[in-house]
Amino acid sequence: RTRVAFENLQASAVGLGVAESAWLPSLSLTDNAARSQSNTTAGFSIPILNSNSDTLSLSYVLLDFGLRSAQRDAALAQIYISVFG
């Protein structure tokens, strides 16, 4: 019984961590690569064309109308339920 309660508390703590991670910025990296070669109508080959495109983006939610706070409060309530419930 104690072990189950402890595992429920751990799961609730993980939920709080996930809810608090919504306050962090998001970083994404995209890499696109392409290689092409074609032939002319006379049968000559045009040199190989290699292209590469990298994109790095950073985003942060400035205004969410209380969504992140509500999710954090719900996660905290779940911890209280696990401890005192």
N, C-alpha and C. Protein backbone atom coordinates (compact mmCIF):
# COMPACT_ATOMS: atom_id res chain seq x y z
N ARG A 1 0.83 -1.20 0.00
CA ARG A 1 0.00 0.00 0.00
C ARG A 1 0.87 1.26 0.00
N THR A 2 1.92 1.26 0.81
CA THR A 2 2.82 2.41 0.87
C THR A 2 3.55 2.58 -0.45
N ARG A 3 3.96 1.46 -1.05
CA ARG A 3 4.67 1.52 -2.33
C ARG A 3 3.78 2.11 -3.43
N VAL A 4 2.53 1.70 -3.46
CA VAL A 4 1.60 2.22 -4.46
C VAL A 4 1.40 3.72 -4.27
N ALA A 5 1.28 4.15 -3.02
CA ALA A 5 1.11 5.57 -2.74
C ALA A 5 2.34 6.35 -3.18
N PHE A 6 3.52 5.79 -2.94
CA PHE A 6 4.76 6.46 -3.34
C PHE A 6 4.85 6.55 -4.86
N GLU A 7 4.48 5.48 -5.55
CA GLU A 7 4.51 5.50 -7.02
C GLU A 7 3.50 6.50 -7.58
N ASN A 8 2.34 6.62 -6.95
CA ASN A 8 1.36 7.62 -7.38
C ASN A 8 1.91 9.03 -7.17
N LEU A 9 2.62 9.24 -6.06
CA LEU A 9 3.21 10.54 -5.79
C LEU A 9 4.29 10.86 -6.82
N GLN A 10 5.10 9.87 -7.17
CA GLN A 10 6.13 10.08 -8.20
C GLN A 10 5.49 10.43 -9.55
N ALA A 11 4.44 9.74 -9.91
CA ALA A 11 3.75 10.03 -11.17
C ALA A 11 3.17 11.44 -11.16
N SER A 12 2.64 11.86 -10.02
CA SER A 12 2.11 13.21 -9.91
C SER A 12 3.21 14.25 -10.02
N ALA A 13 4.38 13.95 -9.44
CA ALA A 13 5.52 14.87 -9.52
C ALA A 13 6.00 15.00 -10.96
N VAL A 14 5.97 13.91 -11.71
CA VAL A 14 6.34 13.97 -13.12
C VAL A 14 5.34 14.85 -13.87
N GLY A 15 4.08 14.72 -13.54
CA GLY A 15 3.05 15.57 -14.17
C GLY A 15 3.29 17.04 -13.88
N LEU A 16 3.76 17.36 -12.67
CA LEU A 16 4.08 18.75 -12.34
C LEU A 16 5.26 19.23 -13.17
N GLY A 17 6.26 18.37 -13.35
CA GLY A 17 7.41 18.74 -14.17
C GLY A 17 7.02 19.01 -15.61
N VAL A 18 6.13 18.20 -16.13
CA VAL A 18 5.64 18.41 -17.50
C VAL A 18 4.88 19.73 -17.59
N ALA A 19 4.05 20.01 -16.59
CA ALA A 19 3.28 21.26 -16.61
C ALA A 19 4.20 22.47 -16.52
N GLU A 20 5.25 22.38 -15.71
CA GLU A 20 6.17 23.51 -15.57
C GLU A 20 7.06 23.67 -16.80
N SER A 21 7.26 22.61 -17.56
CA SER A 21 8.09 22.72 -18.76
C SER A 21 7.43 23.59 -19.82
N ALA A 22 6.13 23.82 -19.70
CA ALA A 22 5.44 24.69 -20.65
C ALA A 22 5.92 26.13 -20.55
N TRP A 23 6.58 26.48 -19.45
CA TRP A 23 7.11 27.84 -19.28
C TRP A 23 8.44 28.03 -20.00
N LEU A 24 9.05 26.95 -20.48
CA LEU A 24 10.34 27.04 -21.15
C LEU A 24 10.17 27.34 -22.63
N PRO A 25 11.16 27.99 -23.24
CA PRO A 25 11.08 28.23 -24.69
C PRO A 25 11.28 26.92 -25.46
N SER A 26 10.86 26.93 -26.69
CA SER A 26 10.99 25.76 -27.56
C SER A 26 12.05 26.05 -28.63
N LEU A 27 12.92 25.09 -28.86
CA LEU A 27 13.99 25.23 -29.84
C LEU A 27 13.89 24.08 -30.84
N SER A 28 13.93 24.40 -32.13
CA SER A 28 13.87 23.35 -33.14
C SER A 28 14.90 23.61 -34.24
N LEU A 29 15.44 22.53 -34.76
CA LEU A 29 16.44 22.58 -35.83
C LEU A 29 15.94 21.70 -36.97
N THR A 30 15.96 22.25 -38.18
CA THR A 30 15.53 21.53 -39.37
C THR A 30 16.65 21.57 -40.40
N ASP A 31 16.94 20.43 -41.01
CA ASP A 31 17.97 20.35 -42.04
C ASP A 31 17.37 19.69 -43.27
N ASN A 32 17.46 20.36 -44.40
CA ASN A 32 16.98 19.81 -45.67
C ASN A 32 18.15 19.73 -46.64
N ALA A 33 18.33 18.58 -47.25
CA ALA A 33 19.41 18.39 -48.23
C ALA A 33 18.82 17.81 -49.51
N ALA A 34 19.38 18.25 -50.64
CA ALA A 34 18.92 17.76 -51.94
C ALA A 34 20.12 17.63 -52.89
N ARG A 35 20.02 16.68 -53.81
CA ARG A 35 21.07 16.47 -54.81
C ARG A 35 20.37 16.18 -56.13
N SER A 36 20.79 16.87 -57.19
CA SER A 36 20.14 16.64 -58.48
C SER A 36 21.16 16.69 -59.62
N GLN A 37 20.86 15.94 -60.66
CA GLN A 37 21.68 15.94 -61.87
C GLN A 37 20.73 15.69 -63.04
N SER A 38 20.95 16.40 -64.13
CA SER A 38 20.09 16.19 -65.30
C SER A 38 20.94 16.17 -66.56
N ASN A 39 20.34 15.72 -67.63
CA ASN A 39 21.01 15.64 -68.93
C ASN A 39 20.35 16.62 -69.90
N THR A 40 21.17 17.16 -70.78
CA THR A 40 20.64 18.04 -71.82
C THR A 40 20.07 17.20 -72.95
N THR A 41 19.39 17.84 -73.89
CA THR A 41 18.83 17.11 -75.03
C THR A 41 19.93 16.55 -75.93
N ALA A 42 21.14 17.12 -75.86
CA ALA A 42 22.26 16.62 -76.66
C ALA A 42 22.96 15.45 -75.97
N GLY A 43 22.51 15.09 -74.76
CA GLY A 43 23.10 13.96 -74.07
C GLY A 43 24.20 14.33 -73.10
N PHE A 44 24.53 15.60 -73.00
CA PHE A 44 25.55 16.02 -72.05
C PHE A 44 24.93 16.12 -70.65
N SER A 45 25.73 15.78 -69.66
CA SER A 45 25.19 15.87 -68.31
C SER A 45 25.58 17.21 -67.69
N ILE A 46 24.63 17.79 -67.02
CA ILE A 46 24.87 19.04 -66.29
C ILE A 46 25.46 18.66 -64.94
N PRO A 47 26.44 19.41 -64.45
CA PRO A 47 27.07 19.04 -63.17
C PRO A 47 26.04 18.86 -62.05
N ILE A 48 26.42 18.01 -61.12
CA ILE A 48 25.54 17.71 -59.98
C ILE A 48 25.34 18.96 -59.14
N LEU A 49 24.12 19.19 -58.75
CA LEU A 49 23.77 20.33 -57.91
C LEU A 49 23.41 19.82 -56.52
N ASN A 50 24.18 20.24 -55.53
CA ASN A 50 23.90 19.89 -54.14
C ASN A 50 23.37 21.14 -53.43
N SER A 51 22.32 20.97 -52.68
CA SER A 51 21.82 22.10 -51.90
C SER A 51 21.50 21.65 -50.48
N ASN A 52 21.71 22.56 -49.56
CA ASN A 52 21.46 22.27 -48.16
C ASN A 52 20.84 23.49 -47.51
N SER A 53 19.86 23.28 -46.69
CA SER A 53 19.17 24.38 -46.02
C SER A 53 18.97 24.02 -44.55
N ASP A 54 19.50 24.84 -43.65
CA ASP A 54 19.35 24.64 -42.21
C ASP A 54 18.49 25.75 -41.63
N THR A 55 17.62 25.38 -40.72
CA THR A 55 16.77 26.37 -40.06
C THR A 55 16.76 26.09 -38.57
N LEU A 56 17.06 27.11 -37.79
CA LEU A 56 17.01 27.02 -36.34
C LEU A 56 15.98 28.03 -35.87
N SER A 57 15.01 27.56 -35.08
CA SER A 57 13.99 28.50 -34.61
C SER A 57 13.80 28.36 -33.10
N LEU A 58 13.59 29.48 -32.47
CA LEU A 58 13.35 29.57 -31.04
C LEU A 58 12.00 30.25 -30.85
N SER A 59 11.13 29.63 -30.07
CA SER A 59 9.82 30.24 -29.85
C SER A 59 9.46 30.19 -28.37
N TYR A 60 8.69 31.16 -27.96
CA TYR A 60 8.24 31.25 -26.58
C TYR A 60 6.83 31.84 -26.57
N VAL A 61 5.97 31.24 -25.77
CA VAL A 61 4.60 31.72 -25.67
C VAL A 61 4.56 32.87 -24.66
N LEU A 62 4.20 34.04 -25.13
CA LEU A 62 4.12 35.20 -24.25
C LEU A 62 2.79 35.27 -23.51
N LEU A 63 1.72 34.96 -24.21
CA LEU A 63 0.40 35.12 -23.62
C LEU A 63 -0.43 33.88 -23.93
N ASP A 64 -0.88 33.21 -22.87
CA ASP A 64 -1.69 32.01 -23.07
C ASP A 64 -3.01 32.08 -22.29
N PHE A 65 -3.33 33.27 -21.78
CA PHE A 65 -4.59 33.50 -21.08
C PHE A 65 -4.78 32.57 -19.88
N GLY A 66 -3.68 32.25 -19.18
CA GLY A 66 -3.75 31.47 -17.95
C GLY A 66 -3.68 29.97 -18.12
N LEU A 67 -3.47 29.48 -19.33
CA LEU A 67 -3.46 28.03 -19.55
C LEU A 67 -2.33 27.34 -18.80
N ARG A 68 -1.11 27.87 -18.89
CA ARG A 68 0.02 27.23 -18.21
C ARG A 68 -0.15 27.24 -16.70
N SER A 69 -0.64 28.34 -16.16
CA SER A 69 -0.87 28.42 -14.71
C SER A 69 -1.94 27.41 -14.28
N ALA A 70 -2.98 27.28 -15.07
CA ALA A 70 -4.05 26.33 -14.74
C ALA A 70 -3.53 24.90 -14.79
N GLN A 71 -2.69 24.59 -15.77
CA GLN A 71 -2.13 23.24 -15.86
C GLN A 71 -1.20 22.95 -14.68
N ARG A 72 -0.41 23.96 -14.28
CA ARG A 72 0.47 23.78 -13.12
C ARG A 72 -0.36 23.61 -11.85
N ASP A 73 -1.41 24.40 -11.69
CA ASP A 73 -2.27 24.27 -10.52
C ASP A 73 -2.95 22.91 -10.47
N ALA A 74 -3.37 22.40 -11.61
CA ALA A 74 -3.99 21.07 -11.66
C ALA A 74 -2.98 19.99 -11.28
N ALA A 75 -1.73 20.14 -11.72
CA ALA A 75 -0.69 19.16 -11.36
C ALA A 75 -0.39 19.23 -9.87
N LEU A 76 -0.35 20.43 -9.30
CA LEU A 76 -0.15 20.56 -7.85
C LEU A 76 -1.31 19.95 -7.08
N ALA A 77 -2.52 20.15 -7.56
CA ALA A 77 -3.68 19.55 -6.91
C ALA A 77 -3.60 18.04 -6.94
N GLN A 78 -3.08 17.50 -8.03
CA GLN A 78 -2.92 16.04 -8.12
C GLN A 78 -1.91 15.54 -7.10
N ILE A 79 -0.85 16.32 -6.86
CA ILE A 79 0.13 15.94 -5.83
C ILE A 79 -0.53 15.97 -4.46
N TYR A 80 -1.31 17.01 -4.17
CA TYR A 80 -1.99 17.09 -2.87
C TYR A 80 -2.94 15.91 -2.68
N ILE A 81 -3.62 15.53 -3.74
CA ILE A 81 -4.51 14.38 -3.66
C ILE A 81 -3.72 13.11 -3.38
N SER A 82 -2.55 12.97 -4.01
CA SER A 82 -1.72 11.79 -3.80
C SER A 82 -1.21 11.71 -2.36
N VAL A 83 -0.89 12.88 -1.78
CA VAL A 83 -0.33 12.89 -0.43
C VAL A 83 -1.43 12.76 0.62
N PHE A 84 -2.48 13.56 0.49
CA PHE A 84 -3.49 13.63 1.54
C PHE A 84 -4.77 12.87 1.21
N GLY A 85 -4.88 12.42 -0.03
CA GLY A 85 -6.12 11.85 -0.52
C GLY A 85 -6.53 10.57 0.06
